């Protein structure tokens, strides 16, 4: 079982920035495809961003709603994946979950059913 730990959520004003972190203690995280999904009450969990495993080239994918504002990245030495969120909007308010799949490739990167491990989530609240 892979445990994912998220951090970095919080309250920020519209236009502000936050950086979310996801780590997988004891795992070589570069061998995993990592994704960020978000969920608000009463809605399905939606795709935000993903980065494929190192062996698959580290390709990045973004939802249209965050393209140009959010950036996903990986730090091999810190065994972490980050989501840098800039120009935040109130509609970005949600619980953000990190997800992972070992040796994950580009196919299925945006599909929440194509991930095997999930973190508990971190709350992001953007005030207007």
Foldseek 3Di string as FASTA:
>chain_A
DWAKDKDWADEEAAQAKIKMKIATPPDQLLQKKKFKWWDDPPDDIFGAKIFAHVVQPRDIDGDPVQPPFWDWDADRVVRMIMIIGGRDDQVVWTWMKMFIDGNDHPVCRGPPVPTDDIYPTDTHGYHD
